[in-house]
């Protein structure tokens, strides 16, 4: 009988140690994993933002799909205009304008951008970012807008549950991490605010 009671007490002690261990280390593990995954997604979004800015320079609008973004950056060219002299000076009538074109793919390579994987959300098992681009009337002007992002649940893996909000008050697996806005012409990311 004594052996049975000692065994039960030993098992109870082991169970309590496990509960104590998990209550201490689960929040730490969640925070570390969230920071790692969030940083990877933000880095990818910043590259997409750079690619969208290049697409705007090439075509005059943002890409509404990753296929058109990739095509424009692989096949498009940047136009640079070099002006010698001051075209606004009324006394100086002789100014030169020189137009130079550069392949966009050269800039993509120098930035070490992988256009085929740019669309993929890190830690998501191959899901694509949501992408939106259009023109809207903003303050009586027609402007280009873009929004690219993902919800946290797409890349948080086993931590994509609402129960982890108890470790971080701002954590919501349905919250959208993005840059740009469908309703105004901005390129800032919501992580920068």
C-alpha atoms as a PDB file:
ATOM      1  CA  UNK A   1       0.000   0.000   0.000  1.00  0.00           C
ATOM      2  CA  UNK A   2       2.825   2.343   0.847  1.00  0.00           C
ATOM      3  CA  UNK A   3       4.448   1.674  -2.536  1.00  0.00           C
ATOM      4  CA  UNK A   4       1.208   2.560  -4.352  1.00  0.00           C
ATOM      5  CA  UNK A   5       0.844   5.854  -2.444  1.00  0.00           C
ATOM      6  CA  UNK A   6       4.498   6.769  -3.101  1.00  0.00           C
ATOM      7  CA  UNK A   7       4.078   5.971  -6.786  1.00  0.00           C
ATOM      8  CA  UNK A   8       0.940   8.118  -7.000  1.00  0.00           C
ATOM      9  CA  UNK A   9       2.687  11.002  -5.213  1.00  0.00           C
ATOM     10  CA  UNK A  10       5.658  10.671  -7.569  1.00  0.00           C
ATOM     11  CA  UNK A  11       3.378  10.778 -10.630  1.00  0.00           C
ATOM     12  CA  UNK A  12       1.491  13.752  -9.186  1.00  0.00           C
ATOM     13  CA  UNK A  13       4.802  15.551  -8.614  1.00  0.00           C
ATOM     14  CA  UNK A  14       5.871  14.854 -12.203  1.00  0.00           C
ATOM     15  CA  UNK A  15       2.520  16.175 -13.467  1.00  0.00           C
ATOM     16  CA  UNK A  16       2.808  19.359 -11.396  1.00  0.00           C
ATOM     17  CA  UNK A  17       6.377  19.931 -12.613  1.00  0.00           C
ATOM     18  CA  UNK A  18       5.165  19.582 -16.209  1.00  0.00           C
ATOM     19  CA  UNK A  19       2.297  22.050 -15.627  1.00  0.00           C
ATOM     20  CA  UNK A  20       4.701  24.520 -14.009  1.00  0.00           C
ATOM     21  CA  UNK A  21       7.235  24.111 -16.825  1.00  0.00           C
ATOM     22  CA  UNK A  22       4.655  24.626 -19.576  1.00  0.00           C
ATOM     23  CA  UNK A  23       3.107  27.642 -17.836  1.00  0.00           C
ATOM     24  CA  UNK A  24       6.534  29.321 -17.710  1.00  0.00           C
ATOM     25  CA  UNK A  25       8.000  28.343 -21.070  1.00  0.00           C
ATOM     26  CA  UNK A  26       4.939  28.348 -23.344  1.00  0.00           C
ATOM     27  CA  UNK A  27       4.625  32.184 -23.353  1.00  0.00           C
ATOM     28  CA  UNK A  28       8.363  32.549 -23.955  1.00  0.00           C
ATOM     29  CA  UNK A  29       8.282  30.061 -26.806  1.00  0.00           C
ATOM     30  CA  UNK A  30       5.243  31.828 -28.312  1.00  0.00           C
ATOM     31  CA  UNK A  31       6.907  35.253 -28.220  1.00  0.00           C
ATOM     32  CA  UNK A  32      10.132  33.978 -29.769  1.00  0.00           C
ATOM     33  CA  UNK A  33       8.274  32.153 -32.535  1.00  0.00           C
ATOM     34  CA  UNK A  34       5.959  35.116 -33.203  1.00  0.00           C
ATOM     35  CA  UNK A  35       8.871  37.533 -33.501  1.00  0.00           C
ATOM     36  CA  UNK A  36      10.752  35.203 -35.843  1.00  0.00           C
ATOM     37  CA  UNK A  37       7.781  34.568 -38.129  1.00  0.00           C
ATOM     38  CA  UNK A  38       6.587  38.175 -38.082  1.00  0.00           C
ATOM     39  CA  UNK A  39      10.089  39.452 -38.974  1.00  0.00           C
ATOM     40  CA  UNK A  40      10.276  37.070 -41.958  1.00  0.00           C
ATOM     41  CA  UNK A  41       6.865  38.228 -43.221  1.00  0.00           C
ATOM     42  CA  UNK A  42       7.755  41.909 -42.768  1.00  0.00           C
ATOM     43  CA  UNK A  43      11.024  41.414 -44.663  1.00  0.00           C
ATOM     44  CA  UNK A  44       9.139  39.793 -47.542  1.00  0.00           C
ATOM     45  CA  UNK A  45       6.515  42.559 -47.543  1.00  0.00           C
ATOM     46  CA  UNK A  46       9.273  45.179 -47.729  1.00  0.00           C
ATOM     47  CA  UNK A  47      10.702  43.425 -50.804  1.00  0.00           C
ATOM     48  CA  UNK A  48       7.250  43.309 -52.397  1.00  0.00           C
ATOM     49  CA  UNK A  49       6.851  47.019 -51.652  1.00  0.00           C
ATOM     50  CA  UNK A  50      10.159  47.722 -53.425  1.00  0.00           C
ATOM     51  CA  UNK A  51       9.023  45.580 -56.369  1.00  0.00           C
ATOM     52  CA  UNK A  52       5.685  47.416 -56.543  1.00  0.00           C
ATOM     53  CA  UNK A  53       7.516  50.774 -56.561  1.00  0.00           C
ATOM     54  CA  UNK A  54       9.657  49.545 -59.455  1.00  0.00           C
ATOM     55  CA  UNK A  55       6.525  48.338 -61.267  1.00  0.00           C
ATOM     56  CA  UNK A  56       4.997  51.797 -60.821  1.00  0.00           C
ATOM     57  CA  UNK A  57       8.122  53.401 -62.323  1.00  0.00           C
ATOM     58  CA  UNK A  58       8.006  51.048 -65.311  1.00  0.00           C
ATOM     59  CA  UNK A  59       4.269  50.960 -66.086  1.00  0.00           C
ATOM     60  CA  UNK A  60       2.768  53.952 -64.298  1.00  0.00           C
ATOM     61  CA  UNK A  61       0.580  51.768 -62.070  1.00  0.00           C
ATOM     62  CA  UNK A  62       0.873  49.087 -59.393  1.00  0.00           C
ATOM     63  CA  UNK A  63       0.636  45.401 -60.267  1.00  0.00           C
ATOM     64  CA  UNK A  64      -2.676  43.776 -59.400  1.00  0.00           C
ATOM     65  CA  UNK A  65      -1.199  40.274 -59.528  1.00  0.00           C
ATOM     66  CA  UNK A  66       2.142  38.699 -58.819  1.00  0.00           C
ATOM     67  CA  UNK A  67       2.287  37.386 -62.391  1.00  0.00           C
ATOM     68  CA  UNK A  68       2.099  40.895 -63.859  1.00  0.00           C
ATOM     69  CA  UNK A  69       4.592  42.137 -61.263  1.00  0.00           C
ATOM     70  CA  UNK A  70       7.052  39.408 -62.203  1.00  0.00           C
ATOM     71  CA  UNK A  71       6.549  39.953 -65.943  1.00  0.00           C
ATOM     72  CA  UNK A  72       7.132  43.719 -65.744  1.00  0.00           C
ATOM     73  CA  UNK A  73      10.260  43.345 -63.623  1.00  0.00           C
ATOM     74  CA  UNK A  74      11.724  40.660 -65.881  1.00  0.00           C
ATOM     75  CA  UNK A  75      10.918  42.391 -69.191  1.00  0.00           C
ATOM     76  CA  UNK A  76      10.417  46.090 -68.419  1.00  0.00           C
ATOM     77  CA  UNK A  77      12.871  48.963 -68.560  1.00  0.00           C
ATOM     78  CA  UNK A  78      13.419  52.038 -66.415  1.00  0.00           C
ATOM     79  CA  UNK A  79      13.629  55.362 -68.188  1.00  0.00           C
ATOM     80  CA  UNK A  80      16.118  57.948 -66.922  1.00  0.00           C
ATOM     81  CA  UNK A  81      16.078  61.481 -68.299  1.00  0.00           C
ATOM     82  CA  UNK A  82      19.264  63.503 -67.915  1.00  0.00           C
ATOM     83  CA  UNK A  83      18.825  67.243 -68.430  1.00  0.00           C
ATOM     84  CA  UNK A  84      21.833  69.493 -68.874  1.00  0.00           C
ATOM     85  CA  UNK A  85      21.131  73.161 -68.298  1.00  0.00           C
ATOM     86  CA  UNK A  86      18.089  74.795 -66.738  1.00  0.00           C
ATOM     87  CA  UNK A  87      14.909  74.505 -68.835  1.00  0.00           C
ATOM     88  CA  UNK A  88      13.204  77.069 -66.575  1.00  0.00           C
ATOM     89  CA  UNK A  89      15.852  79.768 -67.107  1.00  0.00           C
ATOM     90  CA  UNK A  90      14.447  82.309 -69.640  1.00  0.00           C
ATOM     91  CA  UNK A  91      17.958  83.471 -70.665  1.00  0.00           C
ATOM     92  CA  UNK A  92      19.306  79.989 -71.270  1.00  0.00           C
ATOM     93  CA  UNK A  93      17.702  78.514 -74.366  1.00  0.00           C
ATOM     94  CA  UNK A  94      20.153  75.729 -75.001  1.00  0.00           C
ATOM     95  CA  UNK A  95      19.562  72.748 -72.793  1.00  0.00           C
ATOM     96  CA  UNK A  96      19.983  69.081 -73.590  1.00  0.00           C
ATOM     97  CA  UNK A  97      17.729  66.213 -72.713  1.00  0.00           C
ATOM     98  CA  UNK A  98      19.159  62.712 -72.866  1.00  0.00           C
ATOM     99  CA  UNK A  99      17.005  59.628 -72.276  1.00  0.00           C
ATOM    100  CA  UNK A 100      18.607  56.405 -71.073  1.00  0.00           C
ATOM    101  CA  UNK A 101      16.886  53.058 -70.593  1.00  0.00           C
ATOM    102  CA  UNK A 102      17.974  50.342 -68.171  1.00  0.00           C
ATOM    103  CA  UNK A 103      16.572  46.833 -67.886  1.00  0.00           C
ATOM    104  CA  UNK A 104      14.599  46.376 -64.670  1.00  0.00           C
ATOM    105  CA  UNK A 105      15.931  42.856 -64.193  1.00  0.00           C
ATOM    106  CA  UNK A 106      19.380  44.340 -63.494  1.00  0.00           C
ATOM    107  CA  UNK A 107      17.967  46.233 -60.507  1.00  0.00           C
ATOM    108  CA  UNK A 108      16.087  43.140 -59.362  1.00  0.00           C
ATOM    109  CA  UNK A 109      19.300  41.116 -59.420  1.00  0.00           C
ATOM    110  CA  UNK A 110      21.280  43.812 -57.598  1.00  0.00           C
ATOM    111  CA  UNK A 111      18.630  43.795 -54.840  1.00  0.00           C
ATOM    112  CA  UNK A 112      18.836  39.962 -54.735  1.00  0.00           C
ATOM    113  CA  UNK A 113      15.089  39.653 -55.257  1.00  0.00           C
ATOM    114  CA  UNK A 114      13.726  36.216 -56.126  1.00  0.00           C
ATOM    115  CA  UNK A 115      10.646  37.046 -58.182  1.00  0.00           C
ATOM    116  CA  UNK A 116       9.285  33.489 -58.178  1.00  0.00           C
ATOM    117  CA  UNK A 117       9.132  33.206 -54.380  1.00  0.00           C
ATOM    118  CA  UNK A 118       8.194  36.834 -53.711  1.00  0.00           C
ATOM    119  CA  UNK A 119       4.491  35.974 -53.630  1.00  0.00           C
ATOM    120  CA  UNK A 120       4.838  33.236 -50.984  1.00  0.00           C
ATOM    121  CA  UNK A 121       4.121  33.937 -47.307  1.00  0.00           C
ATOM    122  CA  UNK A 122       6.992  32.631 -45.151  1.00  0.00           C
ATOM    123  CA  UNK A 123       6.024  29.741 -42.821  1.00  0.00           C
ATOM    124  CA  UNK A 124       2.702  29.256 -44.637  1.00  0.00           C
ATOM    125  CA  UNK A 125       3.208  26.036 -46.611  1.00  0.00           C
ATOM    126  CA  UNK A 126       3.111  27.883 -49.945  1.00  0.00           C
ATOM    127  CA  UNK A 127       0.223  30.324 -49.541  1.00  0.00           C
ATOM    128  CA  UNK A 128       0.346  33.597 -51.500  1.00  0.00           C
ATOM    129  CA  UNK A 129       0.013  37.100 -50.110  1.00  0.00           C
ATOM    130  CA  UNK A 130      -3.272  38.880 -50.859  1.00  0.00           C
ATOM    131  CA  UNK A 131      -2.627  41.607 -53.419  1.00  0.00           C
ATOM    132  CA  UNK A 132      -4.827  44.510 -54.491  1.00  0.00           C
ATOM    133  CA  UNK A 133      -4.046  47.361 -56.882  1.00  0.00           C
ATOM    134  CA  UNK A 134      -6.347  49.859 -58.542  1.00  0.00           C
ATOM    135  CA  UNK A 135      -6.946  53.545 -59.113  1.00  0.00           C
ATOM    136  CA  UNK A 136      -9.301  55.537 -56.892  1.00  0.00           C
ATOM    137  CA  UNK A 137     -10.440  59.121 -56.572  1.00  0.00           C
ATOM    138  CA  UNK A 138      -8.704  60.564 -53.537  1.00  0.00           C
ATOM    139  CA  UNK A 139      -9.112  64.234 -52.664  1.00  0.00           C
ATOM    140  CA  UNK A 140     -10.521  64.934 -56.146  1.00  0.00           C
ATOM    141  CA  UNK A 141      -7.569  63.281 -57.920  1.00  0.00           C
ATOM    142  CA  UNK A 142      -7.227  59.911 -59.598  1.00  0.00           C
ATOM    143  CA  UNK A 143      -4.429  58.044 -57.786  1.00  0.00           C
ATOM    144  CA  UNK A 144      -2.898  54.565 -57.781  1.00  0.00           C
ATOM    145  CA  UNK A 145      -3.367  52.477 -54.641  1.00  0.00           C
ATOM    146  CA  UNK A 146      -1.939  49.135 -53.580  1.00  0.00           C
ATOM    147  CA  UNK A 147      -2.358  46.806 -50.611  1.00  0.00           C
ATOM    148  CA  UNK A 148      -0.450  43.574 -50.012  1.00  0.00           C
ATOM    149  CA  UNK A 149      -0.628  41.476 -46.872  1.00  0.00           C
ATOM    150  CA  UNK A 150      -1.715  38.420 -44.955  1.00  0.00           C
ATOM    151  CA  UNK A 151      -3.477  37.465 -41.749  1.00  0.00           C
ATOM    152  CA  UNK A 152      -1.365  36.181 -38.878  1.00  0.00           C
ATOM    153  CA  UNK A 153      -3.100  32.804 -38.938  1.00  0.00           C
ATOM    154  CA  UNK A 154      -1.586  32.137 -42.380  1.00  0.00           C
ATOM    155  CA  UNK A 155       1.977  32.099 -41.051  1.00  0.00           C
ATOM    156  CA  UNK A 156       1.778  31.439 -37.297  1.00  0.00           C
ATOM    157  CA  UNK A 157       1.404  27.677 -37.712  1.00  0.00           C
ATOM    158  CA  UNK A 158       0.557  26.002 -34.383  1.00  0.00           C
ATOM    159  CA  UNK A 159       0.270  29.447 -32.743  1.00  0.00           C
ATOM    160  CA  UNK A 160      -2.567  30.583 -35.030  1.00  0.00           C
ATOM    161  CA  UNK A 161      -5.117  30.177 -32.254  1.00  0.00           C
ATOM    162  CA  UNK A 162      -6.835  32.961 -30.330  1.00  0.00           C
ATOM    163  CA  UNK A 163      -5.838  31.349 -27.019  1.00  0.00           C
ATOM    164  CA  UNK A 164      -2.311  32.748 -27.442  1.00  0.00           C
ATOM    165  CA  UNK A 165      -3.667  36.284 -27.069  1.00  0.00           C
ATOM    166  CA  UNK A 166      -3.329  35.777 -23.319  1.00  0.00           C
ATOM    167  CA  UNK A 167       0.444  36.085 -23.804  1.00  0.00           C
ATOM    168  CA  UNK A 168       0.244  39.189 -26.027  1.00  0.00           C
ATOM    169  CA  UNK A 169      -2.663  41.645 -25.698  1.00  0.00           C
ATOM    170  CA  UNK A 170      -2.279  42.827 -29.310  1.00  0.00           C
ATOM    171  CA  UNK A 171      -2.166  39.344 -30.828  1.00  0.00           C
ATOM    172  CA  UNK A 172      -5.124  38.404 -32.996  1.00  0.00           C
ATOM    173  CA  UNK A 173      -4.678  35.578 -35.522  1.00  0.00           C
ATOM    174  CA  UNK A 174      -7.217  37.281 -37.823  1.00  0.00           C
ATOM    175  CA  UNK A 175      -5.354  40.612 -37.824  1.00  0.00           C
ATOM    176  CA  UNK A 176      -3.939  41.666 -41.181  1.00  0.00           C
ATOM    177  CA  UNK A 177      -0.259  42.575 -41.535  1.00  0.00           C
ATOM    178  CA  UNK A 178       0.162  44.656 -44.682  1.00  0.00           C
ATOM    179  CA  UNK A 179       1.604  47.621 -46.485  1.00  0.00           C
ATOM    180  CA  UNK A 180      -0.429  50.115 -48.468  1.00  0.00           C
ATOM    181  CA  UNK A 181      -4.120  50.846 -48.262  1.00  0.00           C
ATOM    182  CA  UNK A 182      -7.062  50.274 -50.604  1.00  0.00           C
ATOM    183  CA  UNK A 183      -8.549  53.649 -49.709  1.00  0.00           C
ATOM    184  CA  UNK A 184      -5.587  56.055 -49.835  1.00  0.00           C
ATOM    185  CA  UNK A 185      -2.264  56.362 -51.665  1.00  0.00           C
ATOM    186  CA  UNK A 186       0.238  55.220 -49.017  1.00  0.00           C
ATOM    187  CA  UNK A 187       2.953  52.574 -48.985  1.00  0.00           C
ATOM    188  CA  UNK A 188       3.616  52.386 -45.256  1.00  0.00           C
ATOM    189  CA  UNK A 189       3.253  49.101 -43.474  1.00  0.00           C
ATOM    190  CA  UNK A 190       0.968  48.739 -40.473  1.00  0.00           C
ATOM    191  CA  UNK A 191       3.944  47.430 -38.496  1.00  0.00           C
ATOM    192  CA  UNK A 192       5.562  50.880 -38.925  1.00  0.00           C
ATOM    193  CA  UNK A 193       2.757  52.746 -37.194  1.00  0.00           C
END
